[in-house]
């Protein structure tokens, strides 16, 4: 199960890529609905909706419709909260456009969009950013210092996360992490296991 922090980071990275690549929501036409229904029966359906995260392209606006909570595995049941593929097709409105705004391990959220020539979008919020994936690669290729600085303070241990690699490690391996500023807070009795796990994944500790 992905943590909330991991889901947020995935969405942030998706928004950065979407802004750079000028992605826009996919506008649904009647022919699309017919094609998807036919492919659903054949078991070959894959939706074309882009992952925008919080990125809003110029000339588009979100409608007031609630987000669609969708099963992304293709194995969902009709009695579950997340929409199945069949139910998702039925929930789409011809003439509107859709994009993924959040994605977890097994479900995702689809937002509905409409054209709005007066909308400036929010591209400037993302085009100058570096995704955590890119930062992590850069830190591996050009190491400049420790990833984590460890400090003991009574019954707790503070893991100061100095690089993107360290932050990503915590997102991937620590369930419901607690923070003090930018430091991961760990009970002293668990500190050795956390440190060993970080070292095994080649993080640099001091």
Protein backbone atom coordinates (compact mmCIF):
# COMPACT_ATOMS: atom_id res chain seq x y z
CA UNK A 1 0.00 0.00 0.00
CA UNK A 2 1.40 3.40 -0.99
CA UNK A 3 1.62 6.02 1.74
CA UNK A 4 -0.10 9.39 1.36
CA UNK A 5 3.32 11.02 0.98
CA UNK A 6 4.20 8.64 -1.85
CA UNK A 7 0.89 9.29 -3.62
CA UNK A 8 1.44 13.04 -3.33
CA UNK A 9 4.97 12.77 -4.72
CA UNK A 10 3.81 10.65 -7.66
CA UNK A 11 1.19 13.30 -8.48
CA UNK A 12 3.74 16.11 -8.16
CA UNK A 13 6.15 14.37 -10.54
CA UNK A 14 3.30 13.72 -12.98
CA UNK A 15 2.37 17.42 -12.94
CA UNK A 16 5.96 18.44 -13.70
CA UNK A 17 6.15 16.07 -16.66
CA UNK A 18 2.70 17.09 -17.90
CA UNK A 19 3.65 20.78 -17.85
CA UNK A 20 6.88 20.16 -19.75
CA UNK A 21 5.17 18.00 -22.35
CA UNK A 22 2.12 20.27 -22.69
CA UNK A 23 -0.30 17.46 -21.97
CA UNK A 24 -4.01 18.21 -22.08
CA UNK A 25 -7.09 16.30 -20.91
CA UNK A 26 -8.53 13.71 -23.29
CA UNK A 27 -11.81 14.90 -24.83
CA UNK A 28 -14.37 12.10 -25.05
CA UNK A 29 -16.50 11.69 -28.18
CA UNK A 30 -19.36 9.30 -28.86
CA UNK A 31 -17.13 7.17 -31.06
CA UNK A 32 -14.69 6.75 -28.16
CA UNK A 33 -17.46 5.39 -25.94
CA UNK A 34 -18.49 2.88 -28.61
CA UNK A 35 -14.90 1.78 -29.21
CA UNK A 36 -14.23 1.34 -25.48
CA UNK A 37 -17.39 -0.69 -24.98
CA UNK A 38 -16.36 -2.99 -27.83
CA UNK A 39 -12.81 -3.34 -26.54
CA UNK A 40 -14.09 -3.96 -23.02
CA UNK A 41 -15.91 -7.05 -24.27
CA UNK A 42 -12.72 -8.19 -26.02
CA UNK A 43 -10.65 -7.55 -22.88
CA UNK A 44 -8.24 -5.17 -24.66
CA UNK A 45 -9.34 -1.81 -23.28
CA UNK A 46 -6.81 0.73 -22.03
CA UNK A 47 -7.97 4.27 -21.33
CA UNK A 48 -5.98 7.12 -22.93
CA UNK A 49 -6.38 9.63 -20.09
CA UNK A 50 -3.15 11.51 -19.29
CA UNK A 51 -1.80 11.89 -15.75
CA UNK A 52 -1.82 15.63 -15.02
CA UNK A 53 -1.65 15.68 -11.24
CA UNK A 54 -2.37 19.28 -10.17
CA UNK A 55 -1.25 20.71 -13.51
CA UNK A 56 -3.94 22.73 -15.33
CA UNK A 57 -3.18 23.45 -18.99
CA UNK A 58 -3.91 26.87 -20.43
CA UNK A 59 -7.37 27.03 -21.99
CA UNK A 60 -8.89 24.39 -19.69
CA UNK A 61 -10.83 24.42 -16.45
CA UNK A 62 -12.02 21.76 -14.02
CA UNK A 63 -15.77 21.29 -13.99
CA UNK A 64 -17.73 21.22 -10.73
CA UNK A 65 -18.29 17.49 -11.03
CA UNK A 66 -16.88 15.33 -8.23
CA UNK A 67 -13.77 13.29 -8.97
CA UNK A 68 -14.36 9.78 -10.31
CA UNK A 69 -12.83 7.14 -8.02
CA UNK A 70 -11.69 4.38 -10.39
CA UNK A 71 -10.19 0.92 -9.97
CA UNK A 72 -6.92 0.87 -11.93
CA UNK A 73 -6.23 -2.86 -11.80
CA UNK A 74 -9.05 -4.00 -14.09
CA UNK A 75 -10.02 -6.56 -11.46
CA UNK A 76 -12.48 -4.50 -9.43
CA UNK A 77 -15.98 -5.73 -8.60
CA UNK A 78 -19.24 -3.88 -9.15
CA UNK A 79 -20.01 -3.87 -5.40
CA UNK A 80 -16.75 -2.06 -4.49
CA UNK A 81 -16.46 1.72 -4.00
CA UNK A 82 -14.07 2.23 -6.93
CA UNK A 83 -15.67 2.27 -10.36
CA UNK A 84 -15.01 -0.73 -12.58
CA UNK A 85 -13.94 -0.21 -16.18
CA UNK A 86 -17.54 -0.72 -17.33
CA UNK A 87 -18.87 1.73 -14.76
CA UNK A 88 -16.18 4.26 -15.66
CA UNK A 89 -17.23 4.23 -19.31
CA UNK A 90 -20.84 4.82 -18.27
CA UNK A 91 -19.79 7.70 -15.99
CA UNK A 92 -18.05 9.65 -18.77
CA UNK A 93 -19.83 12.51 -20.49
CA UNK A 94 -19.47 12.98 -24.24
CA UNK A 95 -18.08 16.43 -24.98
CA UNK A 96 -16.15 16.64 -21.71
CA UNK A 97 -12.47 15.84 -21.20
CA UNK A 98 -10.79 13.75 -18.51
CA UNK A 99 -7.38 13.31 -16.92
CA UNK A 100 -5.88 11.49 -13.95
CA UNK A 101 -5.17 13.83 -11.05
CA UNK A 102 -4.13 11.29 -8.40
CA UNK A 103 -3.01 7.68 -8.57
CA UNK A 104 -2.40 5.12 -5.86
CA UNK A 105 -1.38 1.49 -6.07
CA UNK A 106 -4.81 0.11 -6.97
CA UNK A 107 -7.09 3.10 -7.59
CA UNK A 108 -6.96 6.51 -9.23
CA UNK A 109 -9.00 9.70 -9.44
CA UNK A 110 -10.25 11.10 -12.73
CA UNK A 111 -11.18 14.77 -13.01
CA UNK A 112 -13.54 16.22 -15.58
CA UNK A 113 -12.45 19.23 -17.66
CA UNK A 114 -14.00 21.64 -20.13
CA UNK A 115 -12.52 24.15 -22.56
CA UNK A 116 -12.16 27.71 -21.24
CA UNK A 117 -10.26 30.14 -23.46
CA UNK A 118 -9.93 32.60 -20.57
CA UNK A 119 -8.16 30.12 -18.27
CA UNK A 120 -4.42 30.90 -17.91
CA UNK A 121 -3.71 27.49 -16.40
CA UNK A 122 -0.94 27.00 -13.82
CA UNK A 123 2.00 25.95 -15.95
CA UNK A 124 4.36 28.37 -14.20
CA UNK A 125 3.98 26.39 -10.97
CA UNK A 126 5.63 23.31 -12.47
CA UNK A 127 7.83 24.02 -15.50
CA UNK A 128 10.79 25.22 -13.43
CA UNK A 129 10.71 22.34 -10.98
CA UNK A 130 12.79 19.18 -10.94
CA UNK A 131 10.97 15.96 -10.21
CA UNK A 132 12.16 13.82 -7.32
CA UNK A 133 13.04 11.09 -9.82
CA UNK A 134 15.42 13.44 -11.67
CA UNK A 135 16.88 14.80 -8.44
CA UNK A 136 17.47 11.28 -7.17
CA UNK A 137 19.33 10.33 -10.36
CA UNK A 138 21.44 13.48 -10.16
CA UNK A 139 22.37 12.77 -6.54
CA UNK A 140 23.44 9.23 -7.42
CA UNK A 141 25.54 10.41 -10.38
CA UNK A 142 27.05 13.39 -8.55
CA UNK A 143 27.24 12.66 -4.81
CA UNK A 144 28.19 15.76 -2.81
CA UNK A 145 27.67 14.75 0.78
CA UNK A 146 25.69 12.55 3.16
CA UNK A 147 22.10 11.62 2.46
CA UNK A 148 21.20 11.37 6.14
CA UNK A 149 22.60 12.86 9.35
CA UNK A 150 21.64 10.89 12.47
CA UNK A 151 21.23 12.55 15.86
CA UNK A 152 20.11 10.90 19.11
CA UNK A 153 17.95 12.91 21.50
CA UNK A 154 16.92 10.90 24.53
CA UNK A 155 14.34 8.27 23.64
CA UNK A 156 14.13 9.37 20.01
CA UNK A 157 16.46 9.48 17.06
CA UNK A 158 16.34 12.14 14.38
CA UNK A 159 17.26 11.18 10.83
CA UNK A 160 17.92 14.51 9.06
CA UNK A 161 16.98 13.87 5.42
CA UNK A 162 19.44 15.90 3.37
CA UNK A 163 18.77 14.60 -0.14
CA UNK A 164 15.91 13.57 -2.36
CA UNK A 165 17.21 9.99 -2.24
CA UNK A 166 16.75 9.96 1.52
CA UNK A 167 13.25 11.43 1.35
CA UNK A 168 12.26 8.91 -1.30
CA UNK A 169 13.63 6.05 0.81
CA UNK A 170 11.42 7.08 3.73
CA UNK A 171 8.35 7.37 1.48
CA UNK A 172 8.96 3.86 0.14
CA UNK A 173 9.89 2.09 3.35
CA UNK A 174 8.39 3.84 6.39
CA UNK A 175 4.68 3.57 7.11
CA UNK A 176 3.10 6.76 8.52
CA UNK A 177 6.42 8.54 9.16
CA UNK A 178 6.64 11.30 11.79
CA UNK A 179 8.71 14.40 11.14
CA UNK A 180 10.33 17.18 13.12
CA UNK A 181 11.09 19.80 10.49
CA UNK A 182 12.90 17.88 7.74
CA UNK A 183 14.00 15.10 10.10
CA UNK A 184 12.40 11.69 10.39
CA UNK A 185 11.58 10.96 14.04
CA UNK A 186 12.23 7.37 15.13
CA UNK A 187 12.15 5.72 18.55
CA UNK A 188 15.70 4.83 19.52
CA UNK A 189 14.90 1.12 19.68
CA UNK A 190 14.02 1.16 15.96
CA UNK A 191 16.89 3.40 14.84
CA UNK A 192 19.35 0.59 14.16
CA UNK A 193 16.95 -1.20 11.79
CA UNK A 194 16.17 2.03 9.92
CA UNK A 195 19.87 2.88 9.60
CA UNK A 196 20.72 -0.64 8.41
CA UNK A 197 17.98 -0.48 5.80
CA UNK A 198 19.27 2.84 4.52
CA UNK A 199 22.84 1.55 4.33
CA UNK A 200 21.71 -1.57 2.49
CA UNK A 201 20.21 0.74 -0.14
CA UNK A 202 23.50 2.64 -0.33
CA UNK A 203 22.43 5.84 1.36
CA UNK A 204 25.32 7.76 2.90
CA UNK A 205 24.92 8.19 6.66
CA UNK A 206 26.81 10.39 9.15
